[in-house]
C-alpha atoms as a PDB file:
ATOM      1  CA  MET A   1      -9.498 -71.361 133.050  1.00  0.00           C
ATOM      2  CA  PRO A   2      -7.189 -71.915 136.002  1.00  0.00           C
ATOM      3  CA  LEU A   3      -8.333 -68.768 137.832  1.00  0.00           C
ATOM      4  CA  LYS A   4     -11.859 -70.042 138.487  1.00  0.00           C
ATOM      5  CA  ASN A   5     -11.053 -72.092 141.582  1.00  0.00           C
ATOM      6  CA  PRO A   6      -9.141 -69.359 143.468  1.00  0.00           C
ATOM      7  CA  VAL A   7     -11.832 -66.803 142.641  1.00  0.00           C
ATOM      8  CA  ILE A   8     -14.606 -69.167 143.745  1.00  0.00           C
ATOM      9  CA  ARG A   9     -12.704 -69.936 146.944  1.00  0.00           C
ATOM     10  CA  ALA A  10     -12.159 -66.220 147.591  1.00  0.00           C
ATOM     11  CA  PHE A  11     -15.833 -65.508 146.915  1.00  0.00           C
ATOM     12  CA  ARG A  12     -16.946 -68.159 149.414  1.00  0.00           C
ATOM     13  CA  ILE A  13     -14.545 -66.865 152.076  1.00  0.00           C
ATOM     14  CA  LEU A  14     -15.540 -63.256 151.446  1.00  0.00           C
ATOM     15  CA  ALA A  15     -19.249 -64.132 151.697  1.00  0.00           C
ATOM     16  CA  VAL A  16     -18.730 -65.467 155.213  1.00  0.00           C
ATOM     17  CA  ALA A  17     -16.265 -62.735 156.226  1.00  0.00           C
ATOM     18  CA  GLU A  18     -18.618 -60.004 154.984  1.00  0.00           C
ATOM     19  CA  ALA A  19     -21.462 -61.469 157.063  1.00  0.00           C
ATOM     20  CA  ILE A  20     -19.249 -61.658 160.164  1.00  0.00           C
ATOM     21  CA  SER A  21     -18.152 -58.063 159.658  1.00  0.00           C
ATOM     22  CA  TRP A  22     -21.836 -57.098 159.411  1.00  0.00           C
ATOM     23  CA  ALA A  23     -22.394 -58.676 162.827  1.00  0.00           C
ATOM     24  CA  ALA A  24     -19.416 -56.814 164.271  1.00  0.00           C
ATOM     25  CA  LEU A  25     -20.640 -53.531 162.798  1.00  0.00           C
ATOM     26  CA  LEU A  26     -24.162 -54.094 164.139  1.00  0.00           C
ATOM     27  CA  ALA A  27     -22.723 -54.809 167.594  1.00  0.00           C
ATOM     28  CA  GLY A  28     -20.616 -51.653 167.367  1.00  0.00           C
ATOM     29  CA  MET A  29     -23.670 -49.641 166.359  1.00  0.00           C
ATOM     30  CA  TYR A  30     -25.567 -51.028 169.343  1.00  0.00           C
ATOM     31  CA  PHE A  31     -22.865 -49.856 171.753  1.00  0.00           C
ATOM     32  CA  LYS A  32     -22.588 -46.479 170.047  1.00  0.00           C
ATOM     33  CA  TRP A  33     -26.247 -45.580 169.568  1.00  0.00           C
ATOM     34  CA  ILE A  34     -28.311 -47.623 172.040  1.00  0.00           C
ATOM     35  CA  ALA A  35     -26.019 -48.290 174.975  1.00  0.00           C
ATOM     36  CA  GLY A  36     -24.198 -45.005 174.387  1.00  0.00           C
ATOM     37  CA  THR A  37     -20.984 -46.356 175.844  1.00  0.00           C
ATOM     38  CA  THR A  38     -18.322 -46.386 173.136  1.00  0.00           C
ATOM     39  CA  GLU A  39     -17.672 -45.700 169.463  1.00  0.00           C
ATOM     40  CA  VAL A  40     -14.711 -48.071 169.178  1.00  0.00           C
ATOM     41  CA  GLY A  41     -16.788 -50.893 167.663  1.00  0.00           C
ATOM     42  CA  VAL A  42     -17.955 -48.718 164.788  1.00  0.00           C
ATOM     43  CA  GLN A  43     -14.503 -47.186 164.321  1.00  0.00           C
ATOM     44  CA  VAL A  44     -12.917 -50.633 164.023  1.00  0.00           C
ATOM     45  CA  ALA A  45     -15.660 -52.689 162.353  1.00  0.00           C
ATOM     46  CA  GLY A  46     -16.742 -49.962 159.938  1.00  0.00           C
ATOM     47  CA  PRO A  47     -13.604 -49.849 157.777  1.00  0.00           C
ATOM     48  CA  ILE A  48     -13.175 -53.636 157.941  1.00  0.00           C
ATOM     49  CA  HIS A  49     -16.749 -54.172 156.806  1.00  0.00           C
ATOM     50  CA  GLY A  50     -16.305 -51.565 154.071  1.00  0.00           C
ATOM     51  CA  ALA A  51     -13.217 -53.299 152.714  1.00  0.00           C
ATOM     52  CA  LEU A  52     -14.877 -56.723 152.803  1.00  0.00           C
ATOM     53  CA  PHE A  53     -17.993 -55.286 151.140  1.00  0.00           C
ATOM     54  CA  VAL A  54     -15.905 -53.948 148.247  1.00  0.00           C
ATOM     55  CA  ALA A  55     -13.864 -57.168 147.986  1.00  0.00           C
ATOM     56  CA  TYR A  56     -17.049 -59.277 147.927  1.00  0.00           C
ATOM     57  CA  GLY A  57     -18.466 -57.054 145.187  1.00  0.00           C
ATOM     58  CA  ALA A  58     -15.271 -57.372 143.143  1.00  0.00           C
ATOM     59  CA  ALA A  59     -15.306 -61.167 143.537  1.00  0.00           C
ATOM     60  CA  ALA A  60     -18.967 -61.275 142.477  1.00  0.00           C
ATOM     61  CA  LEU A  61     -18.165 -59.213 139.376  1.00  0.00           C
ATOM     62  CA  ALA A  62     -15.242 -61.506 138.558  1.00  0.00           C
ATOM     63  CA  LEU A  63     -17.450 -64.585 138.883  1.00  0.00           C
ATOM     64  CA  TRP A  64     -20.140 -62.957 136.754  1.00  0.00           C
ATOM     65  CA  ARG A  65     -17.575 -62.886 133.962  1.00  0.00           C
ATOM     66  CA  LEU A  66     -15.694 -66.123 134.663  1.00  0.00           C
ATOM     67  CA  GLN A  67     -18.725 -68.304 135.414  1.00  0.00           C
ATOM     68  CA  ARG A  68     -20.915 -66.526 132.845  1.00  0.00           C
ATOM     69  CA  TRP A  69     -23.651 -65.870 135.371  1.00  0.00           C
ATOM     70  CA  PRO A  70     -26.961 -64.521 134.105  1.00  0.00           C
ATOM     71  CA  PHE A  71     -27.469 -60.865 134.987  1.00  0.00           C
ATOM     72  CA  MET A  72     -30.039 -61.650 137.696  1.00  0.00           C
ATOM     73  CA  VAL A  73     -27.629 -63.992 139.502  1.00  0.00           C
ATOM     74  CA  ALA A  74     -24.971 -61.277 139.527  1.00  0.00           C
ATOM     75  CA  PHE A  75     -27.581 -58.739 140.625  1.00  0.00           C
ATOM     76  CA  PHE A  76     -28.633 -60.891 143.577  1.00  0.00           C
ATOM     77  CA  ALA A  77     -24.978 -61.498 144.481  1.00  0.00           C
ATOM     78  CA  GLY A  78     -24.483 -57.750 144.697  1.00  0.00           C
ATOM     79  CA  ILE A  79     -27.728 -56.965 146.490  1.00  0.00           C
ATOM     80  CA  SER A  80     -27.051 -59.699 149.058  1.00  0.00           C
ATOM     81  CA  ALA A  81     -24.175 -57.613 150.437  1.00  0.00           C
ATOM     82  CA  VAL A  82     -26.619 -54.868 151.415  1.00  0.00           C
ATOM     83  CA  PHE A  83     -28.616 -57.019 153.830  1.00  0.00           C
ATOM     84  CA  PRO A  84     -27.006 -58.490 156.957  1.00  0.00           C
ATOM     85  CA  PHE A  85     -25.987 -62.148 156.554  1.00  0.00           C
ATOM     86  CA  ALA A  86     -27.533 -62.439 153.069  1.00  0.00           C
ATOM     87  CA  THR A  87     -24.149 -63.135 151.468  1.00  0.00           C
ATOM     88  CA  ILE A  88     -24.053 -66.508 153.200  1.00  0.00           C
ATOM     89  CA  LEU A  89     -27.558 -67.318 151.964  1.00  0.00           C
ATOM     90  CA  PHE A  90     -26.621 -66.290 148.429  1.00  0.00           C
ATOM     91  CA  GLU A  91     -23.395 -68.308 148.516  1.00  0.00           C
ATOM     92  CA  ARG A  92     -25.287 -71.441 149.571  1.00  0.00           C
ATOM     93  CA  TRP A  93     -28.024 -70.839 146.985  1.00  0.00           C
ATOM     94  CA  ALA A  94     -25.491 -70.276 144.188  1.00  0.00           C
ATOM     95  CA  GLY A  95     -23.474 -73.332 145.202  1.00  0.00           C
ATOM     96  CA  LYS A  96     -26.526 -75.607 145.140  1.00  0.00           C
ATOM     97  CA  ARG A  97     -27.465 -74.398 141.669  1.00  0.00           C
ATOM     98  CA  GLY A  98     -24.005 -74.820 140.180  1.00  0.00           C
ATOM     99  CA  TYR A  99     -23.144 -71.129 139.814  1.00  0.00           C
ATOM    100  CA  LEU A 100     -19.972 -71.644 141.833  1.00  0.00           C
ATOM    101  CA  GLY A 101     -18.405 -74.206 139.558  1.00  0.00           C
ATOM    102  CA  GLY A 102     -20.272 -77.319 140.661  1.00  0.00           C
ATOM    103  CA  VAL A 103     -22.942 -79.383 139.026  1.00  0.00           C
ATOM    104  CA  PRO A 104     -26.418 -77.928 139.617  1.00  0.00           C
ATOM    105  CA  ALA A 105     -28.617 -80.016 141.913  1.00  0.00           C
ATOM    106  CA  GLU A 106     -31.370 -80.002 139.277  1.00  0.00           C
ATOM    107  CA  ALA A 107     -28.989 -81.400 136.638  1.00  0.00           C
ATOM    108  CA  SER A 108     -27.961 -84.487 138.592  1.00  0.00           C
ATOM    109  CA  PRO A 109     -29.679 -87.612 137.258  1.00  0.00           C
ATOM    110  CA  ASP A 110     -32.307 -89.217 139.437  1.00  0.00           C
ATOM    111  CA  VAL A 111     -31.485 -92.903 139.605  1.00  0.00           C
ATOM    112  CA  THR A 112     -34.939 -93.938 140.809  1.00  0.00           C
ATOM    113  CA  LYS A 113     -36.680 -92.366 137.811  1.00  0.00           C
ATOM    114  CA  GLU A 114     -34.233 -93.924 135.376  1.00  0.00           C
ATOM    115  CA  SER A 115     -34.527 -97.397 136.908  1.00  0.00           C
ATOM    116  CA  ALA A 116     -38.323 -97.150 136.948  1.00  0.00           C
ATOM    117  CA  ARG A 117     -38.367 -96.604 133.164  1.00  0.00           C
ATOM    118  CA  VAL A 118     -36.381 -99.758 132.450  1.00  0.00           C
END
């Protein structure tokens, strides 16, 4: 399927962008609620984070279908958007295990074990 690569690329970009928007929203909430100085950070970062949150969720649902993820992988992709910076951790975890179109790290042959058997 030719759509896999653009969707995977979009998912990776959205994972990082969603985490950055979390940081911006947290900073805005600090200035609004703790420092009590301004609400501009929340007014700007809030809608941006909301849009990136929805886009990340849509990309995760698309990859669930395109990559044929098990339900638990898709579940953790979705739940990672709820916790600050967890989308980056999930993206790295999924990439290492081959859920983002690569070869899983566990599936790569170990040359030392093979050569020791010979």
